[in-house]
Protein backbone atom coordinates (compact mmCIF):
# COMPACT_ATOMS: atom_id res chain seq x y z
CA MET A 1 -0.04 -0.15 -0.11
CA MET A 2 2.55 2.36 1.38
CA LYS A 3 4.65 1.66 -2.33
CA TYR A 4 1.24 2.51 -4.27
CA VAL A 5 0.91 5.99 -2.21
CA GLN A 6 4.70 6.87 -3.13
CA LEU A 7 3.67 5.96 -6.77
CA LEU A 8 0.65 8.37 -7.17
CA LEU A 9 2.96 11.22 -5.63
CA TRP A 10 4.80 11.78 -8.99
CA LEU A 11 2.21 11.11 -11.04
CA GLY A 12 0.51 14.28 -12.57
CA LEU A 13 1.23 14.95 -16.31
CA TRP A 14 -2.01 14.92 -19.06
CA CYS A 15 -4.85 12.74 -20.25
CA ALA A 16 -6.38 10.13 -22.79
CA CYS A 17 -9.38 10.17 -24.45
CA ALA A 18 -11.25 13.34 -23.23
CA ALA A 19 -14.05 15.60 -23.71
CA PRO A 20 -13.61 19.07 -22.41
CA LEU A 21 -15.59 19.68 -19.44
CA ALA A 22 -17.84 22.72 -18.98
CA GLY A 23 -16.25 24.46 -15.74
CA LYS A 24 -15.32 27.85 -14.49
CA ASN A 25 -13.57 30.10 -16.73
CA LEU A 26 -11.03 31.26 -14.42
CA MET A 27 -10.25 34.66 -15.90
CA GLU A 28 -13.91 35.50 -15.77
CA CYS A 29 -13.74 35.22 -12.07
CA PRO A 30 -14.35 38.65 -10.50
CA PHE A 31 -11.97 40.39 -7.87
CA ALA A 32 -12.41 39.21 -5.00
CA PRO A 33 -9.46 39.12 -2.57
CA SER A 34 -8.56 37.39 0.73
CA ASP A 35 -5.82 37.62 3.15
CA ARG A 36 -3.90 34.55 4.26
CA SER A 37 -5.52 31.79 6.32
CA GLU A 38 -3.72 31.53 9.71
CA ALA A 39 -2.51 28.13 8.86
CA GLU A 40 -0.25 30.12 6.26
CA LEU A 41 0.76 33.26 7.94
CA ALA A 42 1.96 30.54 10.51
CA LEU A 43 3.81 28.93 8.25
CA ASP A 44 5.09 31.83 6.30
CA LYS A 45 6.46 33.25 9.60
CA ARG A 46 8.43 29.81 10.30
CA SER A 47 9.87 29.89 7.22
CA GLN A 48 10.95 33.91 7.24
CA GLU A 49 12.36 33.07 10.66
CA ARG A 50 14.40 29.92 8.78
CA PHE A 51 15.66 32.19 5.77
CA GLY A 52 16.14 35.14 7.82
CA ILE A 53 13.48 36.74 5.63
CA SER A 54 12.71 40.47 6.45
CA PRO A 55 9.32 40.77 4.71
CA LEU A 56 9.17 43.81 2.19
CA PRO A 57 6.35 46.19 2.32
CA PRO A 58 3.84 46.01 -0.49
CA LYS A 59 4.94 49.55 -2.16
CA GLU A 60 8.64 48.32 -2.41
CA ILE A 61 6.84 44.59 -3.94
CA ARG A 62 5.18 46.62 -6.22
CA LYS A 63 8.06 47.68 -8.28
CA ILE A 64 9.70 44.84 -8.39
CA ALA A 65 5.97 43.42 -9.74
CA ILE A 66 5.91 45.56 -12.97
CA ASN A 67 9.80 44.50 -13.90
CA ALA A 68 8.58 40.68 -13.77
CA TYR A 69 9.73 39.44 -17.06
CA ASN A 70 6.20 38.70 -18.52
CA TRP A 71 4.63 41.78 -17.01
CA LYS A 72 3.75 43.26 -20.52
CA ARG A 73 2.04 39.83 -21.38
CA LEU A 74 -0.38 39.27 -18.43
CA HIS A 75 -3.99 37.92 -19.25
CA PRO A 76 -5.97 41.44 -18.56
CA SER A 77 -7.95 39.86 -15.83
CA ILE A 78 -4.74 39.08 -13.64
CA ARG A 79 -3.18 41.93 -14.10
CA SER A 80 -6.57 43.73 -13.21
CA TRP A 81 -6.20 41.72 -10.19
CA ILE A 82 -2.60 42.80 -9.32
CA ASN A 83 -3.24 45.94 -9.94
CA GLN A 84 -6.53 46.42 -7.45
CA ASN A 85 -5.11 44.58 -4.94
CA GLN A 86 -1.62 46.36 -4.31
CA ASP A 87 -2.28 47.15 -0.35
CA ARG A 88 -2.48 43.16 0.24
CA TYR A 89 1.40 42.24 -1.30
CA TYR A 90 3.19 39.99 0.65
CA GLU A 91 6.14 38.15 0.96
CA ARG A 92 6.70 34.63 1.32
CA ALA A 93 10.20 32.43 1.35
CA LYS A 94 12.18 33.39 -1.89
CA SER A 95 8.76 34.80 -4.01
CA TYR A 96 5.98 37.37 -3.81
CA VAL A 97 2.04 36.88 -3.67
CA LEU A 98 0.07 39.36 -5.27
CA TYR A 99 -3.36 38.39 -4.96
CA ASN A 100 -4.98 35.72 -3.18
CA ASP A 101 -9.02 34.66 -4.12
CA ALA A 102 -11.47 34.06 -1.84
CA HIS A 103 -13.24 31.87 -3.34
CA ASN A 104 -11.94 30.05 -6.30
CA GLY A 105 -8.53 28.67 -4.71
CA ILE A 106 -6.71 31.08 -7.09
CA ARG A 107 -3.11 32.63 -6.12
CA ILE A 108 -1.30 34.98 -7.91
CA ILE A 109 2.88 35.01 -7.43
CA LEU A 110 6.38 36.01 -8.21
CA TYR A 111 8.87 33.82 -7.99
CA PRO A 112 12.36 32.94 -9.73
CA SER A 113 12.54 31.39 -12.72
CA ARG A 114 15.32 30.85 -15.78
CA PHE A 115 14.18 34.51 -17.05
CA GLY A 116 14.64 36.13 -13.59
CA LEU A 117 11.38 37.01 -11.87
CA GLU A 118 8.01 35.80 -13.49
CA ILE A 119 4.21 35.90 -12.27
CA TYR A 120 2.44 32.59 -12.33
CA LEU A 121 -0.86 31.49 -11.62
CA ASN A 122 -1.08 29.42 -8.68
CA ARG A 123 -3.99 26.90 -6.92
CA THR A 124 -4.53 27.26 -3.49
CA HIS A 125 -7.72 24.81 -3.12
CA TRP A 126 -8.82 22.09 -5.89
CA PHE A 127 -12.56 21.71 -7.10
CA ASP A 128 -14.63 19.44 -9.10
CA ASP A 129 -14.82 21.95 -12.34
CA ASP A 130 -11.10 22.79 -12.02
CA ALA A 131 -10.05 19.69 -14.66
CA ALA A 132 -9.21 20.61 -17.65
CA TRP A 133 -11.19 17.33 -19.10
CA ASP A 134 -12.95 14.02 -18.57
CA TYR A 135 -11.85 10.60 -19.89
CA ILE A 136 -14.57 9.28 -21.79
CA LYS A 137 -14.67 5.03 -21.03
CA GLU A 138 -15.20 3.53 -24.12
CA PRO A 139 -15.85 -0.28 -25.03
CA ALA A 140 -12.44 -2.17 -24.07
CA ILE A 141 -12.16 -4.03 -27.17
CA ASN A 142 -9.51 -4.09 -30.52
CA PRO A 143 -10.49 -1.05 -33.25
CA ALA A 144 -9.54 -3.88 -35.69
CA THR A 145 -11.15 -7.16 -34.65
CA LYS A 146 -14.03 -6.04 -32.60
CA LYS A 147 -13.17 -8.83 -30.08
CA PRO A 148 -11.45 -8.38 -26.93
CA TRP A 149 -7.88 -7.51 -26.56
CA ILE A 150 -7.59 -11.17 -23.87
CA GLU A 151 -9.88 -13.72 -24.31
CA LEU A 152 -9.28 -17.51 -24.71
CA THR A 153 -9.79 -19.29 -27.83
CA ARG A 154 -12.26 -22.44 -28.12
CA ALA A 155 -9.00 -24.82 -28.88
CA GLU A 156 -7.47 -23.26 -25.54
CA TRP A 157 -10.91 -24.48 -23.67
CA LYS A 158 -10.65 -27.59 -25.40
CA LYS A 159 -7.47 -28.33 -24.11
CA ILE A 160 -8.48 -27.25 -20.50
CA ALA A 161 -11.42 -29.39 -20.96
CA ALA A 162 -9.49 -32.58 -22.11
CA SER A 163 -6.66 -32.27 -19.56
CA THR A 164 -8.97 -31.52 -16.33
CA LYS A 165 -12.02 -33.75 -17.40
CA GLU A 166 -13.96 -31.16 -15.73
CA LYS A 167 -16.51 -28.27 -16.45
CA LEU A 168 -16.27 -24.65 -15.11
CA SER A 169 -19.22 -23.95 -12.22
CA THR A 170 -21.65 -21.39 -12.92
CA ASP A 171 -20.08 -19.35 -10.09
CA ASP A 172 -16.12 -19.84 -11.41
CA LYS A 173 -17.46 -18.81 -15.20
CA GLN A 174 -18.86 -15.73 -13.78
CA PHE A 175 -15.57 -14.88 -11.91
CA LEU A 176 -13.60 -15.53 -14.81
CA GLN A 177 -15.76 -13.36 -17.05
CA ASP A 178 -15.55 -10.42 -14.64
CA VAL A 179 -11.68 -11.10 -14.18
CA LEU A 180 -11.21 -10.67 -18.18
CA ASP A 181 -13.51 -7.90 -18.62
CA ILE A 182 -12.08 -5.60 -15.84
CA VAL A 183 -8.08 -7.00 -17.13
CA ASN A 184 -9.68 -5.74 -20.68
CA GLU A 185 -10.88 -2.55 -19.77
CA ASN A 186 -7.47 -1.94 -17.61
CA PHE A 187 -5.11 -2.79 -20.83
CA HIS A 188 -7.49 -0.93 -23.41
CA TYR A 189 -7.07 2.23 -20.93
CA TYR A 190 -3.51 2.79 -22.06
CA TYR A 191 -3.01 0.37 -25.07
CA GLY A 192 -6.36 1.18 -27.15
CA MET A 193 -7.87 4.49 -26.09
CA PRO A 194 -7.47 7.51 -28.36
CA LEU A 195 -4.86 9.85 -27.39
CA VAL A 196 -5.44 13.54 -27.47
CA HIS A 197 -3.42 16.02 -29.06
CA LEU A 198 -4.54 19.70 -27.80
CA ASP A 199 -2.05 21.45 -29.52
CA GLN A 200 -3.44 19.61 -32.98
CA ASP A 201 -6.97 20.86 -32.05
CA PRO A 202 -8.36 24.19 -33.23
CA THR A 203 -11.29 24.09 -31.14
CA VAL A 204 -9.17 24.50 -27.66
CA ASN A 205 -9.43 27.71 -26.10
CA LYS A 206 -6.60 28.57 -24.10
CA GLU A 207 -7.81 30.76 -22.04
CA GLU A 208 -10.27 28.22 -20.18
CA LEU A 209 -7.18 26.11 -19.41
CA MET A 210 -5.60 28.95 -17.65
CA GLY A 211 -5.57 27.44 -13.87
CA LYS A 212 -6.99 23.72 -15.04
CA PHE A 213 -5.50 20.89 -13.92
CA ILE A 214 -4.45 17.84 -15.76
CA PRO A 215 -6.08 15.01 -15.35
CA THR A 216 -3.33 12.00 -14.58
CA LYS A 217 -3.72 8.95 -16.16
CA ALA A 218 -3.62 6.43 -13.38
CA PHE A 219 -5.66 3.38 -11.44
CA LEU A 220 -7.28 3.15 -8.41
CA PHE A 221 -6.50 0.23 -5.88
CA ASP A 222 -8.12 -1.31 -2.84
CA TYR A 223 -10.65 1.48 -0.84
CA HIS A 224 -9.86 4.02 -2.64
CA VAL A 225 -11.92 2.50 -5.70
CA ASP A 226 -14.75 3.00 -3.35
CA MET A 227 -14.45 6.81 -4.39
CA LEU A 228 -15.99 5.72 -7.73
CA ASP A 229 -19.39 5.25 -8.58
CA LEU A 230 -19.60 1.44 -8.60
CA SER A 231 -23.45 1.34 -8.69
CA THR A 232 -23.79 -0.55 -11.33
CA CYS A 233 -20.86 -3.15 -10.36
CA THR A 234 -21.38 -6.09 -8.30
CA GLU A 235 -19.61 -7.43 -5.40
CA GLN A 236 -17.57 -9.40 -7.04
CA GLN A 237 -16.96 -7.14 -9.73
CA LYS A 238 -16.14 -4.46 -6.91
CA THR A 239 -13.63 -6.88 -5.36
CA ILE A 240 -11.74 -7.63 -8.33
CA TYR A 241 -11.57 -3.50 -8.89
CA ARG A 242 -9.91 -2.88 -5.84
CA ALA A 243 -7.22 -6.07 -6.55
CA LEU A 244 -7.10 -5.34 -10.16
CA GLY A 245 -7.43 -1.47 -10.02
CA HIS A 246 -9.95 0.63 -11.58
CA PRO A 247 -8.78 3.42 -14.47
CA ILE A 248 -9.62 6.93 -12.83
CA TYR A 249 -12.17 8.39 -15.99
CA SER A 250 -13.13 11.72 -14.06
CA TYR A 251 -12.02 13.85 -10.85
CA LYS A 252 -15.49 14.63 -10.28
CA GLY A 253 -15.91 13.51 -6.90
CA LEU A 254 -12.70 12.35 -5.73
CA MET A 255 -10.92 15.66 -4.78
CA ASP A 256 -11.02 16.98 -1.06
CA SER A 257 -11.72 20.82 -1.70
CA GLU A 258 -11.24 21.83 1.80
CA PHE A 259 -7.53 20.79 1.60
CA GLU A 260 -5.35 24.30 1.30
CA ILE A 261 -2.40 23.90 -0.99
CA TYR A 262 0.40 26.11 0.36
CA ALA A 263 3.34 25.78 -1.98
CA SER A 264 3.57 24.78 -5.81
CA SER A 265 6.38 24.18 -8.06
CA ASN A 266 7.17 25.02 -11.93
CA CYS A 267 8.49 22.55 -13.85
CA GLY A 268 8.85 21.36 -17.71
CA GLY A 269 6.53 24.53 -18.70
CA HIS A 270 3.72 23.29 -16.14
CA GLY A 271 2.74 24.10 -12.34
CA PHE A 272 3.13 20.81 -9.93
CA CYS A 273 1.29 20.83 -6.49
CA TYR A 274 -0.50 18.33 -3.97
CA PHE A 275 -4.16 18.12 -3.87
CA LEU A 276 -5.77 15.31 -1.57
CA PHE A 277 -8.40 12.98 -2.38
CA LYS A 278 -11.36 12.31 -0.08
CA SER A 279 -10.23 8.82 0.20
CA GLY A 280 -6.99 10.31 2.16
CA LEU A 281 -4.39 9.54 -1.13
CA LYS A 282 -2.19 12.68 -1.57
CA VAL A 283 -1.52 12.98 -5.29
CA SER A 284 1.20 15.60 -7.51
CA VAL A 285 -1.23 17.24 -10.10
CA ALA A 286 0.08 19.36 -13.19
CA TYR A 287 -1.69 22.96 -14.70
CA PHE A 288 -1.37 25.18 -16.44
CA ASN A 289 -0.01 28.15 -14.20
CA GLN A 290 1.04 30.33 -17.09
CA ALA A 291 -0.43 34.09 -16.23
CA SER A 292 -0.70 34.58 -20.19
CA THR A 293 -2.14 32.23 -23.20
CA ASP A 294 0.96 33.39 -24.98
CA ASP A 295 3.36 31.25 -22.77
CA MET A 296 0.87 28.43 -22.77
CA LYS A 297 2.67 25.05 -24.68
CA LEU A 298 -0.60 22.64 -25.00
CA SER A 299 2.19 19.63 -26.06
CA MET A 300 4.34 20.28 -23.14
CA ALA A 301 4.78 16.38 -21.75
CA SER A 302 1.84 15.18 -23.71
CA LYS A 303 2.92 11.65 -24.23
CA ALA A 304 4.56 11.58 -20.78
CA GLY A 305 0.78 12.29 -19.22
CA GLN A 306 -0.83 9.92 -20.97
CA LEU A 307 1.50 7.08 -21.62
CA GLY A 308 4.41 7.90 -18.84
CA SER A 309 2.94 6.24 -15.83
CA MET A 310 1.85 2.97 -18.03
CA ASP A 311 4.57 0.52 -16.69
CA ASP A 312 3.97 1.22 -12.99
CA MET A 313 0.30 0.83 -13.71
CA TYR A 314 0.12 -2.11 -15.83
CA LEU A 315 3.05 -3.69 -13.48
CA LEU A 316 1.29 -3.13 -10.38
CA MET A 317 -1.77 -4.79 -12.03
CA LEU A 318 -0.06 -7.86 -12.88
CA LYS A 319 1.33 -8.17 -9.24
CA ARG A 320 -1.57 -8.24 -7.70
CA MET A 321 -3.22 -10.52 -10.57
CA GLU A 322 -1.13 -13.01 -9.24
CA ARG A 323 -2.31 -12.54 -5.43
CA LEU A 324 -5.92 -12.75 -6.65
CA PHE A 325 -5.43 -15.98 -8.98
CA LEU A 326 -3.54 -17.65 -6.12
CA GLU A 327 -6.63 -16.95 -3.40
CA LYS A 328 -8.90 -19.24 -6.45
CA GLY A 329 -5.95 -21.80 -6.35
CA CYS A 330 -4.01 -20.62 -9.42
CA ASP A 331 -0.19 -20.35 -8.68
CA VAL A 332 1.08 -18.61 -12.21
CA GLN A 333 5.04 -19.14 -11.22
CA ALA A 334 3.77 -22.86 -10.54
CA SER A 335 6.01 -25.06 -12.93
CA THR A 336 3.28 -27.35 -13.18
CA GLU A 337 -0.05 -27.51 -15.14
CA GLN A 338 -2.83 -26.28 -12.94
CA SER A 339 -5.23 -28.92 -11.31
CA THR A 340 -8.69 -27.28 -12.03
CA PRO A 341 -10.19 -25.60 -15.05
CA LEU A 342 -10.32 -22.20 -13.39
CA ALA A 343 -6.77 -22.36 -12.18
CA GLN A 344 -5.69 -22.82 -15.80
CA ALA A 345 -8.02 -20.30 -17.30
CA LEU A 346 -6.74 -17.95 -15.00
CA ALA A 347 -2.76 -18.83 -15.70
CA LEU A 348 -3.64 -18.45 -19.42
CA ILE A 349 -5.15 -15.11 -19.16
CA TYR A 350 -1.98 -13.92 -16.30
CA ARG A 351 0.59 -15.55 -19.38
CA LYS A 352 -1.40 -14.09 -22.31
CA THR A 353 -1.48 -10.09 -20.06
CA HIS A 354 2.18 -10.39 -19.05
CA LYS A 355 3.17 -11.20 -22.45
CA MET A 356 1.58 -8.36 -23.92
CA VAL A 357 2.34 -6.26 -21.32
CA ASP A 358 5.95 -7.10 -21.26
CA PHE A 359 6.25 -6.74 -25.43
CA ILE A 360 4.31 -3.03 -24.97
CA LEU A 361 7.46 -1.83 -22.03
CA ASN A 362 10.19 -2.75 -24.19
CA HIS A 363 8.82 -1.43 -27.16
CA GLU A 364 11.35 1.02 -28.49
CA TYR A 365 8.46 3.72 -29.01
CA CYS A 366 8.00 3.38 -25.12
CA LEU A 367 11.20 3.77 -23.72
CA THR A 368 14.97 4.35 -24.49
CA ARG A 369 17.91 2.46 -22.60
CA THR A 370 21.05 4.45 -21.19
CA SER A 371 24.75 2.52 -21.11
CA ASP A 372 23.78 1.29 -17.59
CA GLY A 373 21.28 -0.44 -18.72
CA LYS A 374 18.53 2.07 -17.08
CA CYS A 375 15.15 2.20 -18.66
CA PHE A 376 13.99 6.01 -19.26
CA SER A 377 10.18 6.82 -20.92
CA ASN A 378 10.36 8.15 -24.48
CA PHE A 379 7.33 10.05 -23.60
CA TYR A 380 9.65 12.21 -21.24
CA ASN A 381 12.30 12.85 -24.21
CA LYS A 382 9.43 13.71 -26.87
CA ASP A 383 6.75 16.65 -26.32
CA GLU A 384 4.83 16.15 -28.98
CA PHE A 385 2.77 13.19 -30.97
CA THR A 386 3.49 12.69 -34.60
CA GLU A 387 0.04 13.53 -36.31
CA GLY A 388 -1.69 10.69 -37.34
CA GLU A 389 -1.02 9.12 -33.92
CA THR A 390 -4.13 7.99 -32.78
CA ARG A 391 -3.57 5.38 -30.31
CA LEU A 392 -0.45 3.58 -28.50
CA SER A 393 -1.78 0.56 -30.81
CA ASP A 394 -1.04 1.83 -33.57
CA MET A 395 2.39 2.42 -32.88
CA VAL A 396 3.21 -0.52 -30.96
CA LYS A 397 2.13 -3.77 -32.92
CA ILE A 398 2.18 -6.81 -30.65
CA PRO A 399 3.52 -10.28 -32.42
CA GLY A 400 0.13 -11.95 -32.96
CA VAL A 401 -2.42 -9.35 -32.30
CA LYS A 402 -4.26 -7.63 -35.32
CA THR A 403 -4.62 -3.75 -35.46
CA ARG A 404 -4.69 -0.71 -37.57
CA THR A 405 -2.24 0.14 -39.84
CA PHE A 406 -0.54 3.38 -38.96
CA ILE A 407 0.46 5.60 -41.64
CA LYS A 408 2.40 8.31 -40.79
CA LYS A 409 1.48 11.71 -41.46
CA PRO A 410 4.01 14.65 -41.81
CA HIS A 411 3.57 17.45 -39.23
CA SER A 412 1.75 19.97 -40.54
CA SER A 413 4.89 22.57 -40.78
CA THR A 414 6.10 19.74 -43.18
CA LYS A 415 2.82 19.86 -45.24
CA LYS A 416 3.37 23.65 -45.43
CA LYS A 417 6.77 23.03 -46.67
CA GLU A 418 5.63 20.54 -49.35
CA ARG A 419 2.70 22.88 -50.18
CA ARG A 420 5.43 26.26 -51.05
CA SER A 421 7.54 23.69 -53.21
CA ARG A 422 4.64 22.46 -55.33
CA HIS A 423 3.77 25.89 -56.29
CA LYS A 424 7.13 27.14 -56.70
CA ARG A 425 7.35 23.94 -59.56
CA SER A 426 4.41 24.76 -60.79
CA SER A 427 4.77 28.87 -61.33
CA ARG A 428 8.57 27.96 -63.11
């Protein structure tokens, strides 16, 4: 459990198959200033004592703010909030707070960047309408075959029957079907769902994304699954989800909006901070913290966010499959054949899933290896998807698994060059 909590702390990058939420446009919020909470005031006082800071008065902070690197590019709403709030500026450890919103969890802060001092849009609370989008759950089937990714063939069932001389009971059949449904759902979540290319979507409104968090692709395990709406699930399905993991399709209803965020960092073109799930799980989240739409890079860390956590989630699911199957009499590590038809079927499901996952995680599209053998995800080395990369299954072809043919399309800039070249040739 502790390992799972630590794992989720660093997850916070991007998402997949998504629908925009009709959330609040933070830039349309009215000026509604608030002072520091007692808890933040105490924290700031400890920081000042620790670092020996003598806080500057608001007038001196104002002189620094108007010389910030991005002052001239600020969104009009942010500039207006800052200008109206001059009497409430205050200094924190190595930073200056220019505005705290009383209702929407907004903080405007000035702190060091590689360009000097820069103004950022930070968050102090997260609410249900603060996700940039929801994931869309879709049938966990291979688009090329219209069948589940992982299933048992008729020949495999015949072999099991001949080997055990037994038939599956009604309860065993239902357990097997529930396991297959959930394993396929989790597998499809990363491998089969469409990928989002925000930078290539002309309908995206950058202003509406300002201050929104990027919903992380991840599984929930154990009692954390109970935060989700499982009203259509049987008790057995709930148990299997708790064991093997349930994909997060929406963050609605998961967050503790009372949890106050005191600090946020800027890394790789995004803001990062922690928020708290209602179940008590603390999670790292990335969000658009730019104070200007001109500075927003929608493609930043796109691959990492949608696919970067895949190896950890898949491997954790496999480990927990071993434990769940062992409770049903199936030791997936045993060298001898399983004795019951259920155990043999579960062993086959595990081997097929493990083989497919292993191939994906070791495919050149998904990783690079350094000279000392350590693996690093390719998704952290490349910011953008190539135009036409629709699903991971289009790029990573598992042997023996029929998938659609991926035709690599030239990037839009390449297309423009080709059109210019054709025009020049025709005009000669």
